[in-house]
Amino acid sequence: MDARIESDDRGRKVAVEACAEPCAIERGMRVLGGKWTGSILWHLKDEPVRFNDLTRMVGGASKKMISERLRHLETHGLIDRRVLDTRPLGVAYQITPKGQTALRFLDELRRWSEEELGLTDDEPAEDEPT
């Protein structure tokens, strides 16, 4: 991505090698950038998690929002949904190998947030309500 602005022979500014729309970063952000999406993936990194347990783990998100994000992640092949043969019926979610590849990025984002923003999991960000 070497987009830059240059002037043409009339002095007008022109974008050279501009990102195609949407560029790779934008496509990635559309998949991983939704609110709660990264947190949901992070909580699935070690083992399958039942839906109700996941809603407890991701504090502040409604069940409807969690359900929407889970469907989004499943559509993109980052998680698998499995109906459990239990009474009452339950559903568990598990990260896929494709989803595992996103964990590297999320771990870097976590480290960057802690180092550059001084945020830990216990502190709300400035733009978050307390």
Protein backbone atom coordinates (compact mmCIF):
# COMPACT_ATOMS: atom_id res chain seq x y z
CA MET A 1 0.00 0.00 0.00
CA ASP A 2 2.09 2.82 -1.33
CA ALA A 3 -0.69 5.35 -1.88
CA ARG A 4 0.49 8.91 -2.18
CA ILE A 5 -0.65 12.30 -3.45
CA GLU A 6 1.14 13.93 -6.38
CA SER A 7 0.48 17.03 -8.43
CA ASP A 8 -0.26 16.69 -12.14
CA ASP A 9 1.07 19.06 -14.82
CA ARG A 10 -1.70 21.56 -14.01
CA GLY A 11 -0.96 21.55 -10.28
CA ARG A 12 -4.01 19.46 -9.36
CA LYS A 13 -3.55 16.87 -6.68
CA VAL A 14 -4.03 13.28 -7.77
CA ALA A 15 -3.97 10.05 -5.75
CA VAL A 16 -1.40 7.59 -7.05
CA GLU A 17 -1.67 3.88 -6.21
CA ALA A 18 -4.69 4.53 -3.98
CA CYS A 19 -6.20 1.61 -2.11
CA ALA A 20 -8.77 -0.36 -3.99
CA GLU A 21 -12.07 -0.14 -2.17
CA PRO A 22 -12.19 -1.80 0.22
CA CYS A 23 -8.49 -2.37 0.77
CA ALA A 24 -7.11 -5.36 2.67
CA ILE A 25 -7.02 -3.48 5.99
CA GLU A 26 -10.63 -2.37 5.62
CA ARG A 27 -11.76 -5.91 4.74
CA GLY A 28 -9.98 -7.26 7.80
CA MET A 29 -11.50 -4.59 10.03
CA ARG A 30 -14.96 -5.40 8.69
CA VAL A 31 -14.49 -8.99 9.89
CA LEU A 32 -12.60 -8.43 13.16
CA GLY A 33 -13.31 -4.80 14.05
CA GLY A 34 -16.88 -5.07 15.29
CA LYS A 35 -17.54 -4.33 18.93
CA TRP A 36 -17.07 -7.48 21.05
CA THR A 37 -15.80 -9.54 18.09
CA GLY A 38 -12.19 -9.66 19.30
CA SER A 39 -13.25 -10.42 22.87
CA ILE A 40 -15.44 -13.29 21.72
CA LEU A 41 -12.63 -14.84 19.66
CA TRP A 42 -10.22 -14.37 22.56
CA HIS A 43 -12.53 -16.23 24.97
CA LEU A 44 -12.79 -19.13 22.52
CA LYS A 45 -9.03 -19.53 22.12
CA ASP A 46 -8.54 -22.38 24.59
CA GLU A 47 -11.62 -24.56 24.41
CA PRO A 48 -15.23 -24.69 23.23
CA VAL A 49 -17.53 -22.44 25.25
CA ARG A 50 -21.28 -22.72 25.70
CA PHE A 51 -23.35 -19.72 24.63
CA ASN A 52 -24.56 -18.74 28.11
CA ASP A 53 -21.05 -19.05 29.53
CA LEU A 54 -19.73 -16.84 26.75
CA THR A 55 -22.32 -14.16 27.54
CA ARG A 56 -21.10 -14.19 31.14
CA MET A 57 -17.46 -13.92 30.03
CA VAL A 58 -18.07 -10.94 27.74
CA GLY A 59 -19.42 -8.49 30.28
CA GLY A 60 -21.38 -5.55 28.97
CA ALA A 61 -22.60 -7.18 25.77
CA SER A 62 -26.22 -8.25 25.40
CA LYS A 63 -27.13 -11.80 24.41
CA LYS A 64 -28.51 -10.40 21.15
CA MET A 65 -25.19 -8.69 20.35
CA ILE A 66 -23.18 -11.81 21.23
CA SER A 67 -25.48 -13.89 19.03
CA GLU A 68 -25.05 -11.46 16.10
CA ARG A 69 -21.25 -11.47 16.47
CA LEU A 70 -21.16 -15.26 16.70
CA ARG A 71 -23.17 -15.59 13.47
CA HIS A 72 -20.82 -13.08 11.81
CA LEU A 73 -17.73 -15.03 12.92
CA GLU A 74 -19.30 -18.33 11.84
CA THR A 75 -20.17 -16.88 8.40
CA HIS A 76 -16.52 -15.93 7.93
CA GLY A 77 -15.28 -19.37 9.03
CA LEU A 78 -13.57 -18.17 12.22
CA ILE A 79 -15.68 -20.26 14.60
CA ASP A 80 -17.80 -23.42 14.52
CA ARG A 81 -21.18 -23.80 16.18
CA ARG A 82 -22.10 -27.17 17.66
CA VAL A 83 -25.46 -28.20 19.11
CA LEU A 84 -24.84 -30.25 22.24
CA ASP A 85 -26.78 -33.42 22.96
CA THR A 86 -27.76 -32.32 26.45
CA ARG A 87 -30.97 -31.57 28.31
CA PRO A 88 -31.81 -28.80 27.99
CA LEU A 89 -30.25 -28.44 24.57
CA GLY A 90 -27.13 -26.32 24.52
CA VAL A 91 -24.88 -24.75 21.93
CA ALA A 92 -21.09 -24.48 22.13
CA TYR A 93 -18.73 -22.44 19.98
CA GLN A 94 -15.18 -23.32 19.07
CA ILE A 95 -12.51 -21.36 17.24
CA THR A 96 -11.43 -22.79 13.87
CA PRO A 97 -7.87 -22.96 12.53
CA LYS A 98 -8.69 -19.88 10.45
CA GLY A 99 -9.88 -18.13 13.61
CA GLN A 100 -6.67 -19.14 15.39
CA THR A 101 -4.72 -17.08 12.87
CA ALA A 102 -6.54 -13.94 14.07
CA LEU A 103 -5.35 -14.54 17.65
CA ARG A 104 -1.82 -13.40 16.75
CA PHE A 105 -3.22 -10.04 15.68
CA LEU A 106 -5.46 -9.81 18.75
CA ASP A 107 -2.59 -10.61 21.09
CA GLU A 108 -0.52 -7.85 19.50
CA LEU A 109 -3.46 -5.46 19.88
CA ARG A 110 -3.79 -6.45 23.55
CA ARG A 111 -0.09 -5.79 24.14
CA TRP A 112 -0.20 -2.50 22.27
CA SER A 113 -3.21 -1.36 24.31
CA GLU A 114 -1.48 -2.21 27.58
CA GLU A 115 1.82 -0.58 26.59
CA GLU A 116 0.70 2.46 24.62
CA LEU A 117 -2.67 3.24 26.15
CA GLY A 118 -1.87 1.96 29.62
CA LEU A 119 -4.98 -0.20 29.59
CA THR A 120 -5.44 -3.54 31.27
CA ASP A 121 -8.51 -5.76 31.22
CA ASP A 122 -9.65 -4.18 34.50
CA GLU A 123 -9.70 -0.57 33.26
CA PRO A 124 -12.22 1.04 30.90
CA ALA A 125 -10.85 2.99 27.94
CA GLU A 126 -11.36 6.77 27.90
CA ASP A 127 -14.24 6.54 25.45
CA GLU A 128 -15.96 3.77 27.39
CA PRO A 129 -18.59 4.58 30.01
CA THR A 130 -17.53 3.75 33.55
